[in-house]
């Protein structure tokens, strides 16, 4: 029985090393360029594109005749902040710098993105999907839950040994 306890203990300790690094590698391979390319669609040179406003405030843009100057300064600030967050947070997570903050930011970003898809863009029930059904591929309920689970690993366990956090903030 001692061997079993030692094996389980070794696996527990290894999890704190392996899981954060694995989560960041999976993020890099699966989601990094999704967010990066999405952020690029929000820029038109050095200014925000019409698409940035339409993606983040679809109903307000429609009501304003797709004229961003009709939006409030707060809405414009939100579009700028969302666009910058879509560039900065994935990079921080990728390199493992301020990783817990980046992970909580990404979770918040995904929640806002999902709410915007449902409330602003009017996602239909097949796009939203359901948990506990036999279909694991709904774009919102299923995929985004997995994204949040992936971001929760570095949130709770940190960046892992191969990170700038470890290099800069070694205890």
N, C-alpha and C. Protein backbone atom coordinates (compact mmCIF):
# COMPACT_ATOMS: atom_id res chain seq x y z
N UNK A 1 0.81 -1.20 0.00
CA UNK A 1 0.00 0.00 0.00
C UNK A 1 0.86 1.26 0.00
N UNK A 2 2.03 1.22 0.63
CA UNK A 2 2.92 2.38 0.63
C UNK A 2 3.31 2.80 -0.78
N UNK A 3 3.53 1.83 -1.65
CA UNK A 3 3.90 2.13 -3.03
C UNK A 3 2.78 2.88 -3.73
N UNK A 4 1.54 2.48 -3.48
CA UNK A 4 0.40 3.16 -4.07
C UNK A 4 0.33 4.61 -3.57
N UNK A 5 0.51 4.82 -2.29
CA UNK A 5 0.48 6.18 -1.73
C UNK A 5 1.60 7.03 -2.32
N UNK A 6 2.79 6.46 -2.44
CA UNK A 6 3.91 7.21 -3.01
C UNK A 6 3.65 7.55 -4.48
N UNK A 7 3.05 6.63 -5.21
CA UNK A 7 2.74 6.86 -6.62
C UNK A 7 1.71 7.98 -6.76
N UNK A 8 0.66 7.92 -5.96
CA UNK A 8 -0.38 8.95 -6.01
C UNK A 8 0.21 10.30 -5.59
N UNK A 9 1.03 10.32 -4.57
CA UNK A 9 1.67 11.55 -4.13
C UNK A 9 2.56 12.13 -5.24
N UNK A 10 3.29 11.28 -5.92
CA UNK A 10 4.15 11.73 -7.04
C UNK A 10 3.31 12.31 -8.16
N UNK A 11 2.19 11.70 -8.45
CA UNK A 11 1.30 12.21 -9.49
C UNK A 11 0.72 13.57 -9.09
N UNK A 12 0.35 13.70 -7.83
CA UNK A 12 -0.16 14.98 -7.34
C UNK A 12 0.88 16.09 -7.51
N UNK A 13 2.11 15.81 -7.12
CA UNK A 13 3.18 16.81 -7.25
C UNK A 13 3.47 17.11 -8.71
N UNK A 14 3.46 16.10 -9.56
CA UNK A 14 3.73 16.30 -10.98
C UNK A 14 2.65 17.14 -11.64
N UNK A 15 1.43 17.04 -11.15
CA UNK A 15 0.32 17.79 -11.73
C UNK A 15 0.59 19.29 -11.68
N UNK A 16 1.21 19.78 -10.62
CA UNK A 16 1.49 21.21 -10.48
C UNK A 16 2.54 21.67 -11.47
N UNK A 17 3.33 20.77 -11.99
CA UNK A 17 4.33 21.09 -13.00
C UNK A 17 3.78 20.89 -14.40
N UNK A 18 3.12 19.78 -14.61
CA UNK A 18 2.70 19.39 -15.96
C UNK A 18 1.44 20.12 -16.42
N UNK A 19 0.41 20.20 -15.57
CA UNK A 19 -0.87 20.75 -16.02
C UNK A 19 -0.80 22.21 -16.46
N UNK A 20 -0.15 23.11 -15.72
CA UNK A 20 -0.11 24.51 -16.20
C UNK A 20 0.61 24.65 -17.54
N UNK A 21 1.72 23.94 -17.69
CA UNK A 21 2.46 24.01 -18.96
C UNK A 21 1.63 23.39 -20.08
N UNK A 22 1.02 22.26 -19.82
CA UNK A 22 0.18 21.60 -20.81
C UNK A 22 -0.99 22.50 -21.22
N UNK A 23 -1.61 23.16 -20.25
CA UNK A 23 -2.73 24.05 -20.55
C UNK A 23 -2.28 25.20 -21.46
N UNK A 24 -1.11 25.76 -21.19
CA UNK A 24 -0.61 26.86 -22.01
C UNK A 24 -0.23 26.38 -23.41
N UNK A 25 0.33 25.17 -23.53
CA UNK A 25 0.66 24.62 -24.84
C UNK A 25 -0.62 24.35 -25.65
N UNK A 26 -1.62 23.79 -25.00
CA UNK A 26 -2.90 23.55 -25.68
C UNK A 26 -3.53 24.88 -26.09
N UNK A 27 -3.48 25.87 -25.22
CA UNK A 27 -3.99 27.20 -25.58
C UNK A 27 -3.26 27.73 -26.82
N UNK A 28 -1.94 27.60 -26.84
CA UNK A 28 -1.15 28.09 -27.98
C UNK A 28 -1.56 27.38 -29.27
N UNK A 29 -1.78 26.09 -29.19
CA UNK A 29 -2.10 25.32 -30.39
C UNK A 29 -3.53 25.43 -30.85
N UNK A 30 -4.45 25.71 -29.92
CA UNK A 30 -5.87 25.66 -30.26
C UNK A 30 -6.53 27.03 -30.31
N UNK A 31 -6.21 27.92 -29.37
CA UNK A 31 -6.97 29.16 -29.24
C UNK A 31 -6.19 30.45 -29.47
N UNK A 32 -4.87 30.42 -29.35
CA UNK A 32 -4.11 31.67 -29.43
C UNK A 32 -4.41 32.42 -30.73
N UNK A 33 -4.29 31.74 -31.87
CA UNK A 33 -4.50 32.43 -33.13
C UNK A 33 -5.97 32.76 -33.38
N UNK A 34 -6.88 32.06 -32.77
CA UNK A 34 -8.29 32.44 -32.84
C UNK A 34 -8.47 33.83 -32.26
N UNK A 35 -7.93 34.06 -31.05
CA UNK A 35 -8.05 35.37 -30.41
C UNK A 35 -7.23 36.42 -31.15
N UNK A 36 -6.02 36.08 -31.57
CA UNK A 36 -5.15 37.03 -32.25
C UNK A 36 -5.80 37.50 -33.56
N UNK A 37 -6.31 36.57 -34.36
CA UNK A 37 -6.95 36.94 -35.62
C UNK A 37 -8.24 37.72 -35.39
N UNK A 38 -8.96 37.37 -34.35
CA UNK A 38 -10.17 38.12 -34.02
C UNK A 38 -9.81 39.56 -33.65
N UNK A 39 -8.74 39.74 -32.90
CA UNK A 39 -8.30 41.09 -32.55
C UNK A 39 -7.89 41.87 -33.80
N UNK A 40 -7.22 41.21 -34.73
CA UNK A 40 -6.79 41.89 -35.96
C UNK A 40 -7.97 42.41 -36.76
N UNK A 41 -9.11 41.72 -36.71
CA UNK A 41 -10.29 42.18 -37.46
C UNK A 41 -10.85 43.47 -36.89
N UNK A 42 -10.45 43.80 -35.68
CA UNK A 42 -10.98 45.00 -35.02
C UNK A 42 -10.15 46.25 -35.31
N UNK A 43 -9.06 46.09 -36.05
CA UNK A 43 -8.21 47.23 -36.36
C UNK A 43 -8.26 47.56 -37.85
N UNK A 44 -8.20 48.85 -38.10
CA UNK A 44 -8.08 49.36 -39.47
C UNK A 44 -6.88 50.30 -39.45
N UNK A 45 -5.71 49.73 -39.68
CA UNK A 45 -4.48 50.50 -39.51
C UNK A 45 -4.24 50.70 -38.02
N UNK A 46 -4.23 51.96 -37.60
CA UNK A 46 -4.01 52.26 -36.18
C UNK A 46 -5.30 52.66 -35.48
N UNK A 47 -6.42 52.58 -36.17
CA UNK A 47 -7.69 52.92 -35.54
C UNK A 47 -8.60 51.70 -35.51
N UNK A 48 -9.68 51.84 -34.79
CA UNK A 48 -10.65 50.75 -34.70
C UNK A 48 -11.43 50.65 -36.00
N UNK A 49 -11.69 49.43 -36.41
CA UNK A 49 -12.48 49.21 -37.62
C UNK A 49 -13.97 49.29 -37.28
N UNK A 50 -14.76 49.48 -38.31
CA UNK A 50 -16.21 49.46 -38.15
C UNK A 50 -16.64 48.12 -37.56
N UNK A 51 -15.94 47.05 -37.97
CA UNK A 51 -16.24 45.71 -37.46
C UNK A 51 -16.03 45.58 -35.96
N UNK A 52 -15.08 46.32 -35.42
CA UNK A 52 -14.85 46.25 -33.97
C UNK A 52 -16.09 46.70 -33.21
N UNK A 53 -16.64 47.82 -33.64
CA UNK A 53 -17.84 48.32 -32.99
C UNK A 53 -19.02 47.37 -33.22
N UNK A 54 -19.14 46.87 -34.44
CA UNK A 54 -20.26 45.98 -34.78
C UNK A 54 -20.16 44.65 -34.06
N UNK A 55 -18.93 44.15 -33.83
CA UNK A 55 -18.78 42.89 -33.12
C UNK A 55 -19.10 43.04 -31.63
N UNK A 56 -18.71 44.16 -31.05
CA UNK A 56 -18.85 44.32 -29.60
C UNK A 56 -20.20 44.93 -29.22
N UNK A 57 -20.70 45.85 -30.03
CA UNK A 57 -22.01 46.48 -29.77
C UNK A 57 -22.90 46.36 -31.01
N UNK A 58 -23.30 45.15 -31.38
CA UNK A 58 -24.04 44.98 -32.64
C UNK A 58 -25.37 45.73 -32.68
N UNK A 59 -26.12 45.69 -31.63
CA UNK A 59 -27.44 46.35 -31.65
C UNK A 59 -27.31 47.86 -31.59
N UNK A 60 -26.36 48.35 -30.81
CA UNK A 60 -26.14 49.79 -30.74
C UNK A 60 -25.65 50.33 -32.08
N UNK A 61 -24.79 49.57 -32.75
CA UNK A 61 -24.30 50.01 -34.06
C UNK A 61 -25.43 50.02 -35.09
N UNK A 62 -26.27 49.02 -35.04
CA UNK A 62 -27.41 48.99 -35.96
C UNK A 62 -28.32 50.19 -35.71
N UNK A 63 -28.59 50.48 -34.44
CA UNK A 63 -29.44 51.62 -34.10
C UNK A 63 -28.80 52.95 -34.51
N UNK A 64 -27.46 52.99 -34.53
CA UNK A 64 -26.74 54.22 -34.91
C UNK A 64 -26.47 54.28 -36.40
N UNK A 65 -27.07 53.38 -37.18
CA UNK A 65 -26.84 53.38 -38.62
C UNK A 65 -25.41 53.02 -38.98
N UNK A 66 -24.78 52.20 -38.13
CA UNK A 66 -23.38 51.77 -38.31
C UNK A 66 -22.41 52.94 -38.40
N UNK A 67 -22.72 53.98 -37.62
CA UNK A 67 -21.84 55.15 -37.51
C UNK A 67 -21.26 55.16 -36.09
N UNK A 68 -19.99 54.77 -35.95
CA UNK A 68 -19.39 54.69 -34.60
C UNK A 68 -19.38 56.01 -33.85
N UNK A 69 -19.42 57.12 -34.57
CA UNK A 69 -19.40 58.42 -33.88
C UNK A 69 -20.68 58.65 -33.10
N UNK A 70 -21.70 57.86 -33.36
CA UNK A 70 -22.97 57.98 -32.64
C UNK A 70 -22.96 57.23 -31.29
N UNK A 71 -21.93 56.41 -31.07
CA UNK A 71 -21.83 55.69 -29.80
C UNK A 71 -21.28 56.61 -28.73
N UNK A 72 -21.54 56.24 -27.49
CA UNK A 72 -21.06 57.06 -26.36
C UNK A 72 -19.55 56.90 -26.18
N UNK A 73 -18.92 57.85 -25.49
CA UNK A 73 -17.50 57.69 -25.20
C UNK A 73 -17.20 56.44 -24.38
N UNK A 74 -18.13 56.04 -23.52
CA UNK A 74 -17.94 54.82 -22.73
C UNK A 74 -17.94 53.60 -23.66
N UNK A 75 -18.85 53.55 -24.60
CA UNK A 75 -18.88 52.44 -25.55
C UNK A 75 -17.60 52.39 -26.38
N UNK A 76 -17.13 53.53 -26.81
CA UNK A 76 -15.87 53.58 -27.57
C UNK A 76 -14.72 53.09 -26.71
N UNK A 77 -14.68 53.50 -25.45
CA UNK A 77 -13.62 53.04 -24.54
C UNK A 77 -13.69 51.52 -24.34
N UNK A 78 -14.89 50.98 -24.26
CA UNK A 78 -15.06 49.54 -24.10
C UNK A 78 -14.55 48.81 -25.34
N UNK A 79 -14.83 49.34 -26.52
CA UNK A 79 -14.35 48.71 -27.75
C UNK A 79 -12.82 48.73 -27.79
N UNK A 80 -12.21 49.88 -27.43
CA UNK A 80 -10.74 49.94 -27.38
C UNK A 80 -10.18 48.95 -26.37
N UNK A 81 -10.77 48.94 -25.16
CA UNK A 81 -10.28 48.05 -24.10
C UNK A 81 -10.44 46.58 -24.50
N UNK A 82 -11.57 46.23 -25.09
CA UNK A 82 -11.79 44.85 -25.52
C UNK A 82 -10.81 44.43 -26.60
N UNK A 83 -10.54 45.35 -27.52
CA UNK A 83 -9.59 45.05 -28.60
C UNK A 83 -8.19 44.86 -28.04
N UNK A 84 -7.77 45.76 -27.16
CA UNK A 84 -6.43 45.63 -26.57
C UNK A 84 -6.32 44.37 -25.72
N UNK A 85 -7.39 44.06 -24.98
CA UNK A 85 -7.38 42.85 -24.16
C UNK A 85 -7.25 41.60 -25.03
N UNK A 86 -7.86 41.63 -26.20
CA UNK A 86 -7.79 40.48 -27.09
C UNK A 86 -6.39 40.28 -27.67
N UNK A 87 -5.60 41.33 -27.69
CA UNK A 87 -4.19 41.22 -28.08
C UNK A 87 -3.31 40.85 -26.88
N UNK A 88 -3.48 41.56 -25.78
CA UNK A 88 -2.55 41.47 -24.65
C UNK A 88 -2.74 40.19 -23.82
N UNK A 89 -3.96 39.86 -23.46
CA UNK A 89 -4.19 38.72 -22.57
C UNK A 89 -3.68 37.40 -23.15
N UNK A 90 -3.95 37.08 -24.42
CA UNK A 90 -3.41 35.83 -24.97
C UNK A 90 -1.88 35.79 -24.99
N UNK A 91 -1.24 36.92 -25.26
CA UNK A 91 0.23 36.95 -25.27
C UNK A 91 0.76 36.71 -23.86
N UNK A 92 0.16 37.35 -22.87
CA UNK A 92 0.59 37.14 -21.48
C UNK A 92 0.44 35.68 -21.08
N UNK A 93 -0.66 35.09 -21.46
CA UNK A 93 -0.89 33.68 -21.13
C UNK A 93 0.11 32.79 -21.87
N UNK A 94 0.36 33.09 -23.11
CA UNK A 94 1.29 32.30 -23.91
C UNK A 94 2.70 32.30 -23.31
N UNK A 95 3.19 33.46 -22.92
CA UNK A 95 4.56 33.55 -22.40
C UNK A 95 4.64 33.29 -20.91
N UNK A 96 3.48 33.19 -20.27
CA UNK A 96 3.47 32.90 -18.84
C UNK A 96 3.89 34.09 -18.00
N UNK A 97 3.41 35.27 -18.34
CA UNK A 97 3.70 36.48 -17.58
C UNK A 97 2.40 37.02 -17.00
N UNK A 98 2.40 37.25 -15.69
CA UNK A 98 1.17 37.66 -15.01
C UNK A 98 0.04 36.70 -15.36
N UNK A 99 0.38 35.43 -15.30
CA UNK A 99 -0.47 34.38 -15.85
C UNK A 99 -1.82 34.28 -15.16
N UNK A 100 -1.85 34.35 -13.85
CA UNK A 100 -3.14 34.24 -13.15
C UNK A 100 -4.06 35.40 -13.53
N UNK A 101 -3.50 36.60 -13.61
CA UNK A 101 -4.27 37.76 -14.02
C UNK A 101 -4.76 37.60 -15.46
N UNK A 102 -3.87 37.12 -16.34
CA UNK A 102 -4.25 36.90 -17.74
C UNK A 102 -5.35 35.83 -17.84
N UNK A 103 -5.24 34.78 -17.04
CA UNK A 103 -6.24 33.71 -17.09
C UNK A 103 -7.61 34.20 -16.62
N UNK A 104 -7.64 34.97 -15.54
CA UNK A 104 -8.93 35.49 -15.08
C UNK A 104 -9.47 36.49 -16.11
N UNK A 105 -8.58 37.25 -16.75
CA UNK A 105 -9.01 38.16 -17.82
C UNK A 105 -9.59 37.40 -19.00
N UNK A 106 -8.96 36.28 -19.37
CA UNK A 106 -9.47 35.48 -20.48
C UNK A 106 -10.82 34.85 -20.14
N UNK A 107 -10.98 34.41 -18.90
CA UNK A 107 -12.28 33.87 -18.48
C UNK A 107 -13.34 34.95 -18.58
N UNK A 108 -13.04 36.14 -18.08
CA UNK A 108 -13.97 37.26 -18.19
C UNK A 108 -14.27 37.61 -19.65
N UNK A 109 -13.22 37.59 -20.47
CA UNK A 109 -13.39 37.88 -21.88
C UNK A 109 -14.33 36.88 -22.54
N UNK A 110 -14.14 35.60 -22.25
CA UNK A 110 -15.00 34.55 -22.84
C UNK A 110 -16.44 34.71 -22.36
N UNK A 111 -16.64 35.06 -21.09
CA UNK A 111 -18.00 35.26 -20.59
C UNK A 111 -18.68 36.44 -21.29
N UNK A 112 -17.95 37.55 -21.45
CA UNK A 112 -18.51 38.72 -22.14
C UNK A 112 -18.75 38.39 -23.62
N UNK A 113 -17.81 37.70 -24.23
CA UNK A 113 -17.95 37.30 -25.63
C UNK A 113 -19.20 36.43 -25.81
N UNK A 114 -19.42 35.52 -24.90
CA UNK A 114 -20.58 34.63 -24.98
C UNK A 114 -21.87 35.41 -24.78
N UNK A 115 -21.89 36.30 -23.80
CA UNK A 115 -23.09 37.13 -23.59
C UNK A 115 -23.38 37.99 -24.81
N UNK A 116 -22.34 38.54 -25.42
CA UNK A 116 -22.51 39.35 -26.63
C UNK A 116 -23.05 38.50 -27.78
N UNK A 117 -22.55 37.29 -27.91
CA UNK A 117 -23.05 36.41 -28.97
C UNK A 117 -24.53 36.08 -28.78
N UNK A 118 -24.92 35.89 -27.53
CA UNK A 118 -26.32 35.52 -27.25
C UNK A 118 -27.23 36.74 -27.29
N UNK A 119 -26.88 37.78 -26.54
CA UNK A 119 -27.75 38.94 -26.41
C UNK A 119 -27.62 39.93 -27.56
N UNK A 120 -26.39 40.14 -28.02
CA UNK A 120 -26.18 41.14 -29.06
C UNK A 120 -26.36 40.60 -30.47
N UNK A 121 -25.83 39.42 -30.71
CA UNK A 121 -25.91 38.84 -32.05
C UNK A 121 -27.07 37.88 -32.21
N UNK A 122 -27.78 37.57 -31.12
CA UNK A 122 -28.95 36.71 -31.19
C UNK A 122 -28.65 35.29 -31.61
N UNK A 123 -27.61 34.69 -31.01
CA UNK A 123 -27.26 33.30 -31.33
C UNK A 123 -28.48 32.40 -31.12
N UNK A 124 -28.69 31.48 -32.06
CA UNK A 124 -29.84 30.59 -31.96
C UNK A 124 -29.55 29.42 -31.02
N UNK A 125 -30.56 28.65 -30.73
CA UNK A 125 -30.43 27.58 -29.75
C UNK A 125 -29.43 26.50 -30.18
N UNK A 126 -29.30 26.25 -31.47
CA UNK A 126 -28.33 25.23 -31.89
C UNK A 126 -26.89 25.74 -31.71
N UNK A 127 -26.69 27.03 -31.85
CA UNK A 127 -25.36 27.61 -31.62
C UNK A 127 -25.06 27.63 -30.13
N UNK A 128 -26.05 28.00 -29.33
CA UNK A 128 -25.86 28.04 -27.88
C UNK A 128 -25.67 26.63 -27.35
N UNK A 129 -26.53 25.72 -27.73
CA UNK A 129 -26.42 24.33 -27.29
C UNK A 129 -26.88 24.14 -25.86
N UNK A 130 -26.71 22.92 -25.40
CA UNK A 130 -27.11 22.54 -24.03
C UNK A 130 -26.03 21.66 -23.43
N UNK A 131 -25.87 21.79 -22.15
CA UNK A 131 -25.03 20.84 -21.44
C UNK A 131 -25.84 19.58 -21.18
N UNK A 132 -25.16 18.50 -20.98
CA UNK A 132 -25.77 17.23 -20.61
C UNK A 132 -26.66 16.65 -21.71
N UNK A 133 -26.45 17.11 -22.94
CA UNK A 133 -27.12 16.45 -24.05
C UNK A 133 -26.10 15.50 -24.70
N UNK A 134 -26.46 14.84 -25.74
CA UNK A 134 -25.54 13.87 -26.35
C UNK A 134 -24.59 14.51 -27.36
N UNK A 135 -24.73 15.82 -27.61
CA UNK A 135 -23.92 16.51 -28.61
C UNK A 135 -22.86 17.38 -27.93
N UNK A 136 -21.58 17.12 -28.17
CA UNK A 136 -20.52 17.86 -27.48
C UNK A 136 -19.96 19.03 -28.28
N UNK A 137 -20.67 19.51 -29.31
CA UNK A 137 -20.04 20.46 -30.21
C UNK A 137 -20.74 21.81 -30.34
N UNK A 138 -21.59 22.16 -29.40
CA UNK A 138 -22.23 23.48 -29.47
C UNK A 138 -21.17 24.55 -29.28
N UNK A 139 -21.22 25.58 -30.14
CA UNK A 139 -20.18 26.60 -30.14
C UNK A 139 -20.10 27.38 -28.83
N UNK A 140 -21.20 27.53 -28.14
CA UNK A 140 -21.17 28.34 -26.92
C UNK A 140 -21.16 27.50 -25.65
N UNK A 141 -22.21 26.75 -25.39
CA UNK A 141 -22.30 26.02 -24.12
C UNK A 141 -21.17 25.02 -23.96
N UNK A 142 -20.86 24.29 -25.00
CA UNK A 142 -19.85 23.23 -24.89
C UNK A 142 -18.43 23.76 -25.06
N UNK A 143 -18.15 24.40 -26.19
CA UNK A 143 -16.79 24.84 -26.45
C UNK A 143 -16.31 25.87 -25.44
N UNK A 144 -17.13 26.84 -25.15
CA UNK A 144 -16.67 27.91 -24.25
C UNK A 144 -16.53 27.41 -22.82
N UNK A 145 -17.30 26.42 -22.42
CA UNK A 145 -17.09 25.82 -21.10
C UNK A 145 -15.72 25.16 -21.04
N UNK A 146 -15.33 24.48 -22.11
CA UNK A 146 -14.00 23.87 -22.16
C UNK A 146 -12.91 24.93 -22.15
N UNK A 147 -13.13 26.04 -22.82
CA UNK A 147 -12.15 27.13 -22.80
C UNK A 147 -11.96 27.63 -21.37
N UNK A 148 -13.07 27.83 -20.67
CA UNK A 148 -12.98 28.33 -19.29
C UNK A 148 -12.28 27.30 -18.41
N UNK A 149 -12.56 26.03 -18.61
CA UNK A 149 -11.86 24.99 -17.85
C UNK A 149 -10.36 25.04 -18.14
N UNK A 150 -9.99 25.24 -19.41
CA UNK A 150 -8.57 25.34 -19.78
C UNK A 150 -7.92 26.54 -19.11
N UNK A 151 -8.59 27.69 -19.11
CA UNK A 151 -8.03 28.90 -18.47
C UNK A 151 -8.00 28.77 -16.95
N UNK A 152 -8.84 27.91 -16.39
CA UNK A 152 -8.85 27.73 -14.94
C UNK A 152 -7.59 27.04 -14.43
N UNK A 153 -6.96 26.25 -15.25
CA UNK A 153 -5.74 25.56 -14.81
C UNK A 153 -4.64 26.55 -14.47
N UNK A 154 -4.25 27.47 -15.37
CA UNK A 154 -3.23 28.44 -14.96
C UNK A 154 -3.74 29.44 -13.93
N UNK A 155 -5.04 29.67 -13.89
CA UNK A 155 -5.58 30.55 -12.85
C UNK A 155 -5.30 29.98 -11.47
N UNK A 156 -5.56 28.70 -11.28
CA UNK A 156 -5.41 28.09 -9.97
C UNK A 156 -4.02 27.53 -9.70
N UNK A 157 -3.31 27.11 -10.75
CA UNK A 157 -2.01 26.47 -10.54
C UNK A 157 -0.83 27.33 -10.98
N UNK A 158 -1.08 28.49 -11.58
CA UNK A 158 0.00 29.33 -12.06
C UNK A 158 0.44 28.93 -13.45
N UNK A 159 1.59 29.45 -13.86
CA UNK A 159 2.05 29.28 -15.24
C UNK A 159 2.86 28.02 -15.46
N UNK A 160 3.38 27.43 -14.42
CA UNK A 160 4.24 26.27 -14.58
C UNK A 160 5.70 26.68 -14.68
N UNK A 161 6.58 25.69 -14.79
CA UNK A 161 8.02 25.97 -14.72
C UNK A 161 8.58 26.68 -15.95
N UNK A 162 7.96 26.52 -17.11
CA UNK A 162 8.45 27.15 -18.33
C UNK A 162 7.67 28.44 -18.58
N UNK A 163 7.99 29.46 -17.79
CA UNK A 163 7.23 30.70 -17.87
C UNK A 163 8.07 31.88 -17.39
N UNK A 164 7.67 33.05 -17.82
CA UNK A 164 8.33 34.25 -17.31
C UNK A 164 7.98 34.50 -15.85
N UNK A 165 6.78 34.11 -15.45
CA UNK A 165 6.43 34.23 -14.03
C UNK A 165 7.45 33.50 -13.16
N UNK A 166 7.78 32.28 -13.52
CA UNK A 166 8.72 31.47 -12.74
C UNK A 166 10.11 32.12 -12.76
N UNK A 167 10.49 32.63 -13.92
CA UNK A 167 11.81 33.25 -14.05
C UNK A 167 11.90 34.55 -13.26
N UNK A 168 10.87 35.37 -13.32
CA UNK A 168 10.91 36.70 -12.69
C UNK A 168 10.50 36.68 -11.23
N UNK A 169 9.57 35.81 -10.87
CA UNK A 169 9.00 35.85 -9.52
C UNK A 169 9.28 34.59 -8.72
N UNK A 170 10.38 33.94 -9.01
CA UNK A 170 10.75 32.71 -8.31
C UNK A 170 10.76 32.97 -6.81
N UNK A 171 10.15 32.06 -6.07
CA UNK A 171 10.07 32.24 -4.61
C UNK A 171 11.24 31.57 -3.92
